[in-house]
Amino acid sequence: MNSDTIFQLLQQSLRIGVGLTASVLETLQDTQKRNQTLSKLQEEIAKKTEEWAKKGEITEQEVREFLDQLLSQQTSSKTTSGSPASTKTKADVGQEIQQLTEKIITLRQELEYLREKKKKKS
């Protein structure tokens, strides 16, 4: 980058800052313009909020479909491997998750106990 480019960039940045400041001051001084600007901003925020909500809903649906496919693949792979089909309900799955979580907590506590015991011996 040569010095002319840097100078032009700085000059443009200064002009942008001055222009922005002038626009803000004009907007603040003119009640009608201020109300228009605030109204536009509110409309844009409302549109964006609606757009994001729709996108979130679509993403949620896609995630649910993906998880359903994943679960059905796991169920079908268990069925085809010779084991009986799984008829677990959401409550059963939740209970299994809770049990596994408790086992992890217990293992962590045991690991921490062994670490402390090792420290005391050292």
PDB file of N, CA and C in Angstrom:
ATOM      1  N   MET A   1       0.843  -1.173   0.000  1.00  0.00           N
ATOM      2  CA  MET A   1       0.000   0.000   0.000  1.00  0.00           C
ATOM      3  C   MET A   1       0.889   1.237   0.000  1.00  0.00           C
ATOM      4  N   ASN A   2       0.617   2.132  -0.914  1.00  0.00           N
ATOM      5  CA  ASN A   2       1.430   3.342  -0.936  1.00  0.00           C
ATOM      6  C   ASN A   2       0.788   4.430  -0.085  1.00  0.00           C
ATOM      7  N   SER A   3       1.526   5.525   0.094  1.00  0.00           N
ATOM      8  CA  SER A   3       1.048   6.588   0.987  1.00  0.00           C
ATOM      9  C   SER A   3      -0.183   7.302   0.440  1.00  0.00           C
ATOM     10  N   ASP A   4      -0.328   7.372  -0.894  1.00  0.00           N
ATOM     11  CA  ASP A   4      -1.517   8.010  -1.480  1.00  0.00           C
ATOM     12  C   ASP A   4      -2.774   7.228  -1.123  1.00  0.00           C
ATOM     13  N   THR A   5      -2.691   5.908  -1.168  1.00  0.00           N
ATOM     14  CA  THR A   5      -3.840   5.058  -0.841  1.00  0.00           C
ATOM     15  C   THR A   5      -4.223   5.226   0.628  1.00  0.00           C
ATOM     16  N   ILE A   6      -3.232   5.244   1.490  1.00  0.00           N
ATOM     17  CA  ILE A   6      -3.495   5.414   2.922  1.00  0.00           C
ATOM     18  C   ILE A   6      -4.124   6.783   3.171  1.00  0.00           C
ATOM     19  N   PHE A   7      -3.573   7.808   2.531  1.00  0.00           N
ATOM     20  CA  PHE A   7      -4.120   9.159   2.693  1.00  0.00           C
ATOM     21  C   PHE A   7      -5.571   9.219   2.214  1.00  0.00           C
ATOM     22  N   GLN A   8      -5.855   8.613   1.057  1.00  0.00           N
ATOM     23  CA  GLN A   8      -7.223   8.607   0.524  1.00  0.00           C
ATOM     24  C   GLN A   8      -8.171   7.856   1.458  1.00  0.00           C
ATOM     25  N   LEU A   9      -7.692   6.763   2.015  1.00  0.00           N
ATOM     26  CA  LEU A   9      -8.503   5.987   2.953  1.00  0.00           C
ATOM     27  C   LEU A   9      -8.810   6.798   4.209  1.00  0.00           C
ATOM     28  N   LEU A  10      -7.812   7.463   4.749  1.00  0.00           N
ATOM     29  CA  LEU A  10      -8.023   8.304   5.924  1.00  0.00           C
ATOM     30  C   LEU A  10      -8.958   9.472   5.617  1.00  0.00           C
ATOM     31  N   GLN A  11      -8.769  10.078   4.442  1.00  0.00           N
ATOM     32  CA  GLN A  11      -9.618  11.196   4.048  1.00  0.00           C
ATOM     33  C   GLN A  11     -11.077  10.737   3.891  1.00  0.00           C
ATOM     34  N   GLN A  12     -11.274   9.570   3.284  1.00  0.00           N
ATOM     35  CA  GLN A  12     -12.630   9.047   3.114  1.00  0.00           C
ATOM     36  C   GLN A  12     -13.247   8.713   4.477  1.00  0.00           C
ATOM     37  N   SER A  13     -12.456   8.144   5.370  1.00  0.00           N
ATOM     38  CA  SER A  13     -12.956   7.823   6.711  1.00  0.00           C
ATOM     39  C   SER A  13     -13.389   9.091   7.438  1.00  0.00           C
ATOM     40  N   LEU A  14     -12.592  10.144   7.325  1.00  0.00           N
ATOM     41  CA  LEU A  14     -12.934  11.414   7.952  1.00  0.00           C
ATOM     42  C   LEU A  14     -14.232  11.964   7.368  1.00  0.00           C
ATOM     43  N   ARG A  15     -14.371  11.912   6.054  1.00  0.00           N
ATOM     44  CA  ARG A  15     -15.594  12.401   5.407  1.00  0.00           C
ATOM     45  C   ARG A  15     -16.823  11.587   5.836  1.00  0.00           C
ATOM     46  N   ILE A  16     -16.646  10.290   5.944  1.00  0.00           N
ATOM     47  CA  ILE A  16     -17.757   9.440   6.402  1.00  0.00           C
ATOM     48  C   ILE A  16     -18.158   9.836   7.814  1.00  0.00           C
ATOM     49  N   GLY A  17     -17.190  10.038   8.689  1.00  0.00           N
ATOM     50  CA  GLY A  17     -17.477  10.432  10.064  1.00  0.00           C
ATOM     51  C   GLY A  17     -18.192  11.769  10.143  1.00  0.00           C
ATOM     52  N   VAL A  18     -17.719  12.749   9.360  1.00  0.00           N
ATOM     53  CA  VAL A  18     -18.349  14.071   9.350  1.00  0.00           C
ATOM     54  C   VAL A  18     -19.763  13.970   8.778  1.00  0.00           C
ATOM     55  N   GLY A  19     -19.920  13.221   7.695  1.00  0.00           N
ATOM     56  CA  GLY A  19     -21.239  13.051   7.088  1.00  0.00           C
ATOM     57  C   GLY A  19     -22.221  12.371   8.027  1.00  0.00           C
ATOM     58  N   LEU A  20     -21.749  11.350   8.725  1.00  0.00           N
ATOM     59  CA  LEU A  20     -22.591  10.652   9.691  1.00  0.00           C
ATOM     60  C   LEU A  20     -23.014  11.587  10.812  1.00  0.00           C
ATOM     61  N   THR A  21     -22.068  12.348  11.316  1.00  0.00           N
ATOM     62  CA  THR A  21     -22.370  13.294  12.391  1.00  0.00           C
ATOM     63  C   THR A  21     -23.389  14.331  11.936  1.00  0.00           C
ATOM     64  N   ALA A  22     -23.208  14.864  10.723  1.00  0.00           N
ATOM     65  CA  ALA A  22     -24.138  15.860  10.194  1.00  0.00           C
ATOM     66  C   ALA A  22     -25.533  15.259  10.034  1.00  0.00           C
ATOM     67  N   SER A  23     -25.607  14.034   9.531  1.00  0.00           N
ATOM     68  CA  SER A  23     -26.907  13.370   9.357  1.00  0.00           C
ATOM     69  C   SER A  23     -27.603  13.147  10.695  1.00  0.00           C
ATOM     70  N   VAL A  24     -26.839  12.718  11.697  1.00  0.00           N
ATOM     71  CA  VAL A  24     -27.411  12.484  13.023  1.00  0.00           C
ATOM     72  C   VAL A  24     -27.932  13.798  13.608  1.00  0.00           C
ATOM     73  N   LEU A  25     -27.144  14.858  13.480  1.00  0.00           N
ATOM     74  CA  LEU A  25     -27.578  16.151  14.012  1.00  0.00           C
ATOM     75  C   LEU A  25     -28.827  16.656  13.298  1.00  0.00           C
ATOM     76  N   GLU A  26     -28.880  16.521  11.974  1.00  0.00           N
ATOM     77  CA  GLU A  26     -30.070  16.933  11.223  1.00  0.00           C
ATOM     78  C   GLU A  26     -31.289  16.140  11.675  1.00  0.00           C
ATOM     79  N   THR A  27     -31.098  14.855  11.860  1.00  0.00           N
ATOM     80  CA  THR A  27     -32.206  13.997  12.280  1.00  0.00           C
ATOM     81  C   THR A  27     -32.695  14.382  13.666  1.00  0.00           C
ATOM     82  N   LEU A  28     -31.772  14.665  14.567  1.00  0.00           N
ATOM     83  CA  LEU A  28     -32.155  15.031  15.925  1.00  0.00           C
ATOM     84  C   LEU A  28     -32.859  16.393  15.975  1.00  0.00           C
ATOM     85  N   GLN A  29     -32.454  17.296  15.118  1.00  0.00           N
ATOM     86  CA  GLN A  29     -33.040  18.638  15.133  1.00  0.00           C
ATOM     87  C   GLN A  29     -34.401  18.687  14.459  1.00  0.00           C
ATOM     88  N   ASP A  30     -34.621  17.859  13.468  1.00  0.00           N
ATOM     89  CA  ASP A  30     -35.880  17.863  12.725  1.00  0.00           C
ATOM     90  C   ASP A  30     -36.792  16.766  13.293  1.00  0.00           C
ATOM     91  N   THR A  31     -37.874  17.170  13.961  1.00  0.00           N
ATOM     92  CA  THR A  31     -38.777  16.224  14.612  1.00  0.00           C
ATOM     93  C   THR A  31     -39.371  15.238  13.619  1.00  0.00           C
ATOM     94  N   GLN A  32     -39.807  15.742  12.477  1.00  0.00           N
ATOM     95  CA  GLN A  32     -40.435  14.879  11.474  1.00  0.00           C
ATOM     96  C   GLN A  32     -39.428  13.848  10.951  1.00  0.00           C
ATOM     97  N   LYS A  33     -38.227  14.300  10.662  1.00  0.00           N
ATOM     98  CA  LYS A  33     -37.192  13.405  10.163  1.00  0.00           C
ATOM     99  C   LYS A  33     -36.816  12.370  11.235  1.00  0.00           C
ATOM    100  N   ARG A  34     -36.746  12.820  12.495  1.00  0.00           N
ATOM    101  CA  ARG A  34     -36.420  11.916  13.598  1.00  0.00           C
ATOM    102  C   ARG A  34     -37.485  10.833  13.716  1.00  0.00           C
ATOM    103  N   ASN A  35     -38.756  11.237  13.646  1.00  0.00           N
ATOM    104  CA  ASN A  35     -39.850  10.269  13.740  1.00  0.00           C
ATOM    105  C   ASN A  35     -39.821   9.285  12.573  1.00  0.00           C
ATOM    106  N   GLN A  36     -39.505   9.794  11.369  1.00  0.00           N
ATOM    107  CA  GLN A  36     -39.404   8.911  10.204  1.00  0.00           C
ATOM    108  C   GLN A  36     -38.284   7.894  10.394  1.00  0.00           C
ATOM    109  N   THR A  37     -37.147   8.380  10.842  1.00  0.00           N
ATOM    110  CA  THR A  37     -35.993   7.496  11.036  1.00  0.00           C
ATOM    111  C   THR A  37     -36.293   6.441  12.090  1.00  0.00           C
ATOM    112  N   LEU A  38     -36.879   6.845  13.198  1.00  0.00           N
ATOM    113  CA  LEU A  38     -37.229   5.882  14.248  1.00  0.00           C
ATOM    114  C   LEU A  38     -38.259   4.877  13.751  1.00  0.00           C
ATOM    115  N   SER A  39     -39.211   5.349  12.973  1.00  0.00           N
ATOM    116  CA  SER A  39     -40.233   4.463  12.410  1.00  0.00           C
ATOM    117  C   SER A  39     -39.602   3.430  11.476  1.00  0.00           C
ATOM    118  N   LYS A  40     -38.679   3.898  10.630  1.00  0.00           N
ATOM    119  CA  LYS A  40     -37.981   2.974   9.725  1.00  0.00           C
ATOM    120  C   LYS A  40     -37.193   1.930  10.506  1.00  0.00           C
ATOM    121  N   LEU A  41     -36.499   2.397  11.533  1.00  0.00           N
ATOM    122  CA  LEU A  41     -35.715   1.466  12.350  1.00  0.00           C
ATOM    123  C   LEU A  41     -36.603   0.422  13.016  1.00  0.00           C
ATOM    124  N   GLN A  42     -37.746   0.857  13.541  1.00  0.00           N
ATOM    125  CA  GLN A  42     -38.670  -0.075  14.179  1.00  0.00           C
ATOM    126  C   GLN A  42     -39.203  -1.087  13.176  1.00  0.00           C
ATOM    127  N   GLU A  43     -39.513  -0.626  11.967  1.00  0.00           N
ATOM    128  CA  GLU A  43     -39.996  -1.536  10.929  1.00  0.00           C
ATOM    129  C   GLU A  43     -38.927  -2.555  10.556  1.00  0.00           C
ATOM    130  N   GLU A  44     -37.689  -2.067  10.393  1.00  0.00           N
ATOM    131  CA  GLU A  44     -36.598  -2.969  10.036  1.00  0.00           C
ATOM    132  C   GLU A  44     -36.347  -3.999  11.131  1.00  0.00           C
ATOM    133  N   ILE A  45     -36.402  -3.543  12.378  1.00  0.00           N
ATOM    134  CA  ILE A  45     -36.202  -4.468  13.497  1.00  0.00           C
ATOM    135  C   ILE A  45     -37.331  -5.498  13.529  1.00  0.00           C
ATOM    136  N   ALA A  46     -38.551  -5.051  13.300  1.00  0.00           N
ATOM    137  CA  ALA A  46     -39.688  -5.979  13.291  1.00  0.00           C
ATOM    138  C   ALA A  46     -39.537  -6.998  12.168  1.00  0.00           C
ATOM    139  N   LYS A  47     -39.128  -6.532  10.985  1.00  0.00           N
ATOM    140  CA  LYS A  47     -38.937  -7.458   9.859  1.00  0.00           C
ATOM    141  C   LYS A  47     -37.836  -8.470  10.160  1.00  0.00           C
ATOM    142  N   LYS A  48     -36.728  -7.980  10.693  1.00  0.00           N
ATOM    143  CA  LYS A  48     -35.615  -8.881  11.017  1.00  0.00           C
ATOM    144  C   LYS A  48     -36.015  -9.889  12.091  1.00  0.00           C
ATOM    145  N   THR A  49     -36.744  -9.415  13.089  1.00  0.00           N
ATOM    146  CA  THR A  49     -37.188 -10.308  14.154  1.00  0.00           C
ATOM    147  C   THR A  49     -38.076 -11.407  13.589  1.00  0.00           C
ATOM    148  N   GLU A  50     -38.986 -11.035  12.715  1.00  0.00           N
ATOM    149  CA  GLU A  50     -39.867 -12.017  12.087  1.00  0.00           C
ATOM    150  C   GLU A  50     -39.066 -12.989  11.221  1.00  0.00           C
ATOM    151  N   GLU A  51     -38.112 -12.453  10.476  1.00  0.00           N
ATOM    152  CA  GLU A  51     -37.266 -13.284   9.615  1.00  0.00           C
ATOM    153  C   GLU A  51     -36.474 -14.287  10.450  1.00  0.00           C
ATOM    154  N   TRP A  52     -35.891 -13.811  11.558  1.00  0.00           N
ATOM    155  CA  TRP A  52     -35.115 -14.698  12.419  1.00  0.00           C
ATOM    156  C   TRP A  52     -35.988 -15.754  13.084  1.00  0.00           C
ATOM    157  N   ALA A  53     -37.207 -15.365  13.465  1.00  0.00           N
ATOM    158  CA  ALA A  53     -38.126 -16.328  14.084  1.00  0.00           C
ATOM    159  C   ALA A  53     -38.485 -17.427  13.090  1.00  0.00           C
ATOM    160  N   LYS A  54     -38.758 -17.040  11.831  1.00  0.00           N
ATOM    161  CA  LYS A  54     -39.069 -18.048  10.806  1.00  0.00           C
ATOM    162  C   LYS A  54     -37.883 -18.967  10.567  1.00  0.00           C
ATOM    163  N   LYS A  55     -36.708 -18.369  10.487  1.00  0.00           N
ATOM    164  CA  LYS A  55     -35.502 -19.166  10.270  1.00  0.00           C
ATOM    165  C   LYS A  55     -35.274 -20.117  11.442  1.00  0.00           C
ATOM    166  N   GLY A  56     -35.511 -19.639  12.657  1.00  0.00           N
ATOM    167  CA  GLY A  56     -35.373 -20.493  13.836  1.00  0.00           C
ATOM    168  C   GLY A  56     -36.359 -21.646  13.822  1.00  0.00           C
ATOM    169  N   GLU A  57     -37.586 -21.357  13.380  1.00  0.00           N
ATOM    170  CA  GLU A  57     -38.607 -22.405  13.300  1.00  0.00           C
ATOM    171  C   GLU A  57     -38.217 -23.463  12.275  1.00  0.00           C
ATOM    172  N   ILE A  58     -37.739 -23.012  11.122  1.00  0.00           N
ATOM    173  CA  ILE A  58     -37.316 -23.946  10.080  1.00  0.00           C
ATOM    174  C   ILE A  58     -36.141 -24.787  10.567  1.00  0.00           C
ATOM    175  N   THR A  59     -35.187 -24.149  11.224  1.00  0.00           N
ATOM    176  CA  THR A  59     -34.018 -24.861  11.737  1.00  0.00           C
ATOM    177  C   THR A  59     -34.433 -25.885  12.791  1.00  0.00           C
ATOM    178  N   GLU A  60     -35.363 -25.483  13.646  1.00  0.00           N
ATOM    179  CA  GLU A  60     -35.862 -26.415  14.668  1.00  0.00           C
ATOM    180  C   GLU A  60     -36.489 -27.637  14.015  1.00  0.00           C
ATOM    181  N   GLN A  61     -37.295 -27.418  12.979  1.00  0.00           N
ATOM    182  CA  GLN A  61     -37.926 -28.536  12.274  1.00  0.00           C
ATOM    183  C   GLN A  61     -36.882 -29.439  11.621  1.00  0.00           C
ATOM    184  N   GLU A  62     -35.863 -28.820  11.020  1.00  0.00           N
ATOM    185  CA  GLU A  62     -34.808 -29.612  10.382  1.00  0.00           C
ATOM    186  C   GLU A  62     -34.060 -30.457  11.401  1.00  0.00           C
ATOM    187  N   VAL A  63     -33.791 -29.882  12.570  1.00  0.00           N
ATOM    188  CA  VAL A  63     -33.089 -30.619  13.616  1.00  0.00           C
ATOM    189  C   VAL A  63     -33.944 -31.785  14.105  1.00  0.00           C
ATOM    190  N   ARG A  64     -35.235 -31.525  14.288  1.00  0.00           N
ATOM    191  CA  ARG A  64     -36.123 -32.610  14.736  1.00  0.00           C
ATOM    192  C   ARG A  64     -36.167 -33.747  13.713  1.00  0.00           C
ATOM    193  N   GLU A  65     -36.269 -33.377  12.421  1.00  0.00           N
ATOM    194  CA  GLU A  65     -36.289 -34.397  11.371  1.00  0.00           C
ATOM    195  C   GLU A  65     -34.991 -35.190  11.366  1.00  0.00           C
ATOM    196  N   PHE A  66     -33.870 -34.483  11.524  1.00  0.00           N
ATOM    197  CA  PHE A  66     -32.574 -35.147  11.554  1.00  0.00           C
ATOM    198  C   PHE A  66     -32.490 -36.121  12.726  1.00  0.00           C
ATOM    199  N   LEU A  67     -32.929 -35.670  13.899  1.00  0.00           N
ATOM    200  CA  LEU A  67     -32.889 -36.550  15.075  1.00  0.00           C
ATOM    201  C   LEU A  67     -33.828 -37.730  14.915  1.00  0.00           C
ATOM    202  N   ASP A  68     -35.004 -37.501  14.340  1.00  0.00           N
ATOM    203  CA  ASP A  68     -35.932 -38.603  14.083  1.00  0.00           C
ATOM    204  C   ASP A  68     -35.312 -39.629  13.140  1.00  0.00           C
ATOM    205  N   GLN A  69     -34.651 -39.143  12.084  1.00  0.00           N
ATOM    206  CA  GLN A  69     -33.979 -40.053  11.154  1.00  0.00           C
ATOM    207  C   GLN A  69     -32.883 -40.834  11.859  1.00  0.00           C
ATOM    208  N   LEU A  70     -32.112 -40.133  12.668  1.00  0.00           N
ATOM    209  CA  LEU A  70     -31.027 -40.774  13.394  1.00  0.00           C
ATOM    210  C   LEU A  70     -31.559 -41.861  14.323  1.00  0.00           C
ATOM    211  N   LEU A  71     -32.612 -41.528  15.052  1.00  0.00           N
ATOM    212  CA  LEU A  71     -33.202 -42.521  15.965  1.00  0.00           C
ATOM    213  C   LEU A  71     -33.794 -43.694  15.200  1.00  0.00           C
ATOM    214  N   SER A  72     -34.445 -43.425  14.077  1.00  0.00           N
ATOM    215  CA  SER A  72     -35.034 -44.523  13.303  1.00  0.00           C
ATOM    216  C   SER A  72     -33.943 -45.398  12.696  1.00  0.00           C
ATOM    217  N   GLN A  73     -32.816 -44.811  12.305  1.00  0.00           N
ATOM    218  CA  GLN A  73     -31.696 -45.609  11.788  1.00  0.00           C
ATOM    219  C   GLN A  73     -31.122 -46.497  12.879  1.00  0.00           C
ATOM    220  N   GLN A  74     -30.995 -45.940  14.088  1.00  0.00           N
ATOM    221  CA  GLN A  74     -30.472 -46.730  15.200  1.00  0.00           C
ATOM    222  C   GLN A  74     -31.425 -47.874  15.531  1.00  0.00           C
ATOM    223  N   THR A  75     -32.724 -47.579  15.505  1.00  0.00           N
ATOM    224  CA  THR A  75     -33.720 -48.606  15.796  1.00  0.00           C
ATOM    225  C   THR A  75     -33.702 -49.680  14.718  1.00  0.00           C
ATOM    226  N   SER A  76     -33.617 -49.256  13.464  1.00  0.00           N
ATOM    227  CA  SER A  76     -33.619 -50.241  12.381  1.00  0.00           C
ATOM    228  C   SER A  76     -32.327 -51.053  12.377  1.00  0.00           C
ATOM    229  N   SER A  77     -31.207 -50.466  12.747  1.00  0.00           N
ATOM    230  CA  SER A  77     -29.956 -51.221  12.797  1.00  0.00           C
ATOM    231  C   SER A  77     -29.996 -52.237  13.931  1.00  0.00           C
ATOM    232  N   LYS A  78     -30.645 -51.907  15.031  1.00  0.00           N
ATOM    233  CA  LYS A  78     -30.797 -52.868  16.128  1.00  0.00           C
ATOM    234  C   LYS A  78     -31.700 -54.008  15.694  1.00  0.00           C
ATOM    235  N   THR A  79     -32.751 -53.701  14.949  1.00  0.00           N
ATOM    236  CA  THR A  79     -33.700 -54.709  14.489  1.00  0.00           C
ATOM    237  C   THR A  79     -33.044 -55.643  13.486  1.00  0.00           C
ATOM    238  N   THR A  80     -32.272 -55.105  12.572  1.00  0.00           N
ATOM    239  CA  THR A  80     -31.651 -55.934  11.547  1.00  0.00           C
ATOM    240  C   THR A  80     -30.482 -56.741  12.080  1.00  0.00           C
ATOM    241  N   SER A  81     -29.926 -56.368  13.200  1.00  0.00           N
ATOM    242  CA  SER A  81     -28.788 -57.109  13.744  1.00  0.00           C
ATOM    243  C   SER A  81     -29.225 -58.329  14.543  1.00  0.00           C
ATOM    244  N   GLY A  82     -30.505 -58.608  14.557  1.00  0.00           N
ATOM    245  CA  GLY A  82     -30.983 -59.820  15.213  1.00  0.00           C
ATOM    246  C   GLY A  82     -31.564 -59.586  16.580  1.00  0.00           C
ATOM    247  N   SER A  83     -31.407 -58.423  17.157  1.00  0.00           N
ATOM    248  CA  SER A  83     -31.982 -58.152  18.463  1.00  0.00           C
ATOM    249  C   SER A  83     -33.423 -57.700  18.282  1.00  0.00           C
ATOM    250  N   PRO A  84     -34.253 -57.878  19.278  1.00  0.00           N
ATOM    251  CA  PRO A  84     -35.644 -57.456  19.145  1.00  0.00           C
ATOM    252  C   PRO A  84     -35.750 -55.945  19.008  1.00  0.00           C
ATOM    253  N   ALA A  85     -36.808 -55.524  18.335  1.00  0.00           N
ATOM    254  CA  ALA A  85     -37.010 -54.087  18.108  1.00  0.00           C
ATOM    255  C   ALA A  85     -37.180 -53.370  19.432  1.00  0.00           C
ATOM    256  N   SER A  86     -36.610 -52.195  19.507  1.00  0.00           N
ATOM    257  CA  SER A  86     -36.697 -51.402  20.720  1.00  0.00           C
ATOM    258  C   SER A  86     -38.031 -50.683  20.770  1.00  0.00           C
ATOM    259  N   THR A  87     -38.694 -50.789  21.917  1.00  0.00           N
ATOM    260  CA  THR A  87     -39.987 -50.111  22.077  1.00  0.00           C
ATOM    261  C   THR A  87     -39.906 -49.125  23.225  1.00  0.00           C
ATOM    262  N   LYS A  88     -38.776 -48.450  23.321  1.00  0.00           N
ATOM    263  CA  LYS A  88     -38.580 -47.511  24.411  1.00  0.00           C
ATOM    264  C   LYS A  88     -39.389 -46.246  24.170  1.00  0.00           C
ATOM    265  N   THR A  89     -39.935 -45.752  25.250  1.00  0.00           N
ATOM    266  CA  THR A  89     -40.664 -44.492  25.172  1.00  0.00           C
ATOM    267  C   THR A  89     -39.722 -43.355  25.519  1.00  0.00           C
ATOM    268  N   LYS A  90     -40.207 -42.142  25.372  1.00  0.00           N
ATOM    269  CA  LYS A  90     -39.386 -40.978  25.729  1.00  0.00           C
ATOM    270  C   LYS A  90     -39.024 -41.016  27.208  1.00  0.00           C
ATOM    271  N   ALA A  91     -39.946 -41.490  28.027  1.00  0.00           N
ATOM    272  CA  ALA A  91     -39.680 -41.579  29.469  1.00  0.00           C
ATOM    273  C   ALA A  91     -38.551 -42.574  29.733  1.00  0.00           C
ATOM    274  N   ASP A  92     -38.561 -43.709  28.997  1.00  0.00           N
ATOM    275  CA  ASP A  92     -37.494 -44.700  29.160  1.00  0.00           C
ATOM    276  C   ASP A  92     -36.144 -44.115  28.762  1.00  0.00           C
ATOM    277  N   VAL A  93     -36.132 -43.409  27.642  1.00  0.00           N
ATOM    278  CA  VAL A  93     -34.890 -42.793  27.173  1.00  0.00           C
ATOM    279  C   VAL A  93     -34.423 -41.746  28.177  1.00  0.00           C
ATOM    280  N   GLY A  94     -35.358 -40.945  28.682  1.00  0.00           N
ATOM    281  CA  GLY A  94     -35.012 -39.939  29.689  1.00  0.00           C
ATOM    282  C   GLY A  94     -34.450 -40.574  30.945  1.00  0.00           C
ATOM    283  N   GLN A  95     -35.047 -41.694  31.340  1.00  0.00           N
ATOM    284  CA  GLN A  95     -34.576 -42.406  32.524  1.00  0.00           C
ATOM    285  C   GLN A  95     -33.173 -42.965  32.298  1.00  0.00           C
ATOM    286  N   GLU A  96     -32.927 -43.489  31.093  1.00  0.00           N
ATOM    287  CA  GLU A  96     -31.591 -43.989  30.772  1.00  0.00           C
ATOM    288  C   GLU A  96     -30.568 -42.867  30.810  1.00  0.00           C
ATOM    289  N   ILE A  97     -30.927 -41.719  30.257  1.00  0.00           N
ATOM    290  CA  ILE A  97     -30.025 -40.571  30.270  1.00  0.00           C
ATOM    291  C   ILE A  97     -29.725 -40.161  31.705  1.00  0.00           C
ATOM    292  N   GLN A  98     -30.752 -40.130  32.538  1.00  0.00           N
ATOM    293  CA  GLN A  98     -30.559 -39.776  33.949  1.00  0.00           C
ATOM    294  C   GLN A  98     -29.622 -40.768  34.629  1.00  0.00           C
ATOM    295  N   GLN A  99     -29.813 -42.062  34.368  1.00  0.00           N
ATOM    296  CA  GLN A  99     -28.950 -43.079  34.970  1.00  0.00           C
ATOM    297  C   GLN A  99     -27.507 -42.930  34.502  1.00  0.00           C
ATOM    298  N   LEU A 100     -27.326 -42.686  33.211  1.00  0.00           N
ATOM    299  CA  LEU A 100     -25.974 -42.501  32.684  1.00  0.00           C
ATOM    300  C   LEU A 100     -25.325 -41.257  33.272  1.00  0.00           C
ATOM    301  N   THR A 101     -26.111 -40.205  33.433  1.00  0.00           N
ATOM    302  CA  THR A 101     -25.589 -38.985  34.037  1.00  0.00           C
ATOM    303  C   THR A 101     -25.133 -39.252  35.467  1.00  0.00           C
ATOM    304  N   GLU A 102     -25.927 -39.990  36.209  1.00  0.00           N
ATOM    305  CA  GLU A 102     -25.562 -40.330  37.587  1.00  0.00           C
ATOM    306  C   GLU A 102     -24.290 -41.181  37.628  1.00  0.00           C
ATOM    307  N   LYS A 103     -24.142 -42.108  36.666  1.00  0.00           N
ATOM    308  CA  LYS A 103     -22.931 -42.927  36.611  1.00  0.00           C
ATOM    309  C   LYS A 103     -21.709 -42.053  36.334  1.00  0.00           C
ATOM    310  N   ILE A 104     -21.863 -41.096  35.434  1.00  0.00           N
ATOM    311  CA  ILE A 104     -20.754 -40.195  35.109  1.00  0.00           C
ATOM    312  C   ILE A 104     -20.358 -39.393  36.345  1.00  0.00           C
ATOM    313  N   ILE A 105     -21.353 -38.897  37.070  1.00  0.00           N
ATOM    314  CA  ILE A 105     -21.069 -38.128  38.288  1.00  0.00           C
ATOM    315  C   ILE A 105     -20.328 -38.991  39.295  1.00  0.00           C
ATOM    316  N   THR A 106     -20.784 -40.226  39.460  1.00  0.00           N
ATOM    317  CA  THR A 106     -20.138 -41.150  40.397  1.00  0.00           C
ATOM    318  C   THR A 106     -18.698 -41.421  39.979  1.00  0.00           C
ATOM    319  N   LEU A 107     -18.479 -41.655  38.685  1.00  0.00           N
ATOM    320  CA  LEU A 107     -17.123 -41.913  38.192  1.00  0.00           C
ATOM    321  C   LEU A 107     -16.221 -40.697  38.398  1.00  0.00           C
ATOM    322  N   ARG A 108     -16.760 -39.512  38.172  1.00  0.00           N
ATOM    323  CA  ARG A 108     -15.973 -38.297  38.398  1.00  0.00           C
ATOM    324  C   ARG A 108     -15.586 -38.163  39.865  1.00  0.00           C
ATOM    325  N   GLN A 109     -16.535 -38.459  40.743  1.00  0.00           N
ATOM    326  CA  GLN A 109     -16.246 -38.367  42.173  1.00  0.00           C
ATOM    327  C   GLN A 109     -15.177 -39.377  42.572  1.00  0.00           C
ATOM    328  N   GLU A 110     -15.278 -40.589  42.033  1.00  0.00           N
ATOM    329  CA  GLU A 110     -14.271 -41.611  42.337  1.00  0.00           C
ATOM    330  C   GLU A 110     -12.906 -41.197  41.812  1.00  0.00           C
ATOM    331  N   LEU A 111     -12.885 -40.632  40.607  1.00  0.00           N
ATOM    332  CA  LEU A 111     -11.631 -40.175  40.024  1.00  0.00           C
ATOM    333  C   LEU A 111     -11.016 -39.072  40.869  1.00  0.00           C
ATOM    334  N   GLU A 112     -11.842 -38.146  41.313  1.00  0.00           N
ATOM    335  CA  GLU A 112     -11.358 -37.048  42.159  1.00  0.00           C
ATOM    336  C   GLU A 112     -10.826 -37.597  43.491  1.00  0.00           C
ATOM    337  N   TYR A 113     -11.520 -38.570  44.048  1.00  0.00           N
ATOM    338  CA  TYR A 113     -11.077 -39.202  45.290  1.00  0.00           C
ATOM    339  C   TYR A 113      -9.711 -39.862  45.105  1.00  0.00           C
ATOM    340  N   LEU A 114      -9.553 -40.578  43.986  1.00  0.00           N
ATOM    341  CA  LEU A 114      -8.271 -41.244  43.717  1.00  0.00           C
ATOM    342  C   LEU A 114      -7.156 -40.233  43.495  1.00  0.00           C
ATOM    343  N   ARG A 115      -7.463 -39.135  42.838  1.00  0.00           N
ATOM    344  CA  ARG A 115      -6.449 -38.092  42.641  1.00  0.00           C
ATOM    345  C   ARG A 115      -6.011 -37.497  43.980  1.00  0.00           C
ATOM    346  N   GLU A 116      -6.984 -37.207  44.844  1.00  0.00           N
ATOM    347  CA  GLU A 116      -6.653 -36.652  46.162  1.00  0.00           C
ATOM    348  C   GLU A 116      -5.825 -37.656  46.977  1.00  0.00           C
ATOM    349  N   LYS A 117      -6.223 -38.911  46.879  1.00  0.00           N
ATOM    350  CA  LYS A 117      -5.508 -39.968  47.614  1.00  0.00           C
ATOM    351  C   LYS A 117      -4.077 -40.066  47.124  1.00  0.00           C
ATOM    352  N   LYS A 118      -3.894 -39.933  45.799  1.00  0.00           N
ATOM    353  CA  LYS A 118      -2.543 -40.005  45.224  1.00  0.00           C
ATOM    354  C   LYS A 118      -1.708 -38.807  45.664  1.00  0.00           C
ATOM    355  N   LYS A 119      -2.346 -37.622  45.745  1.00  0.00           N
ATOM    356  CA  LYS A 119      -1.639 -36.421  46.182  1.00  0.00           C
ATOM    357  C   LYS A 119      -1.145 -36.570  47.619  1.00  0.00           C
ATOM    358  N   LYS A 120      -1.992 -37.148  48.459  1.00  0.00           N
ATOM    359  CA  LYS A 120      -1.634 -37.313  49.869  1.00  0.00           C
ATOM    360  C   LYS A 120      -0.465 -38.269  50.042  1.00  0.00           C
ATOM    361  N   LYS A 121      -0.391 -39.292  49.175  1.00  0.00           N
ATOM    362  CA  LYS A 121       0.707 -40.259  49.253  1.00  0.00           C
ATOM    363  C   LYS A 121       2.023 -39.660  48.773  1.00  0.00           C
ATOM    364  N   SER A 122       1.936 -38.702  47.867  1.00  0.00           N
ATOM    365  CA  SER A 122       3.162 -38.119  47.278  1.00  0.00           C
ATOM    366  C   SER A 122       3.872 -37.191  48.222  1.00  0.00           C
TER     367      SER A 122
END
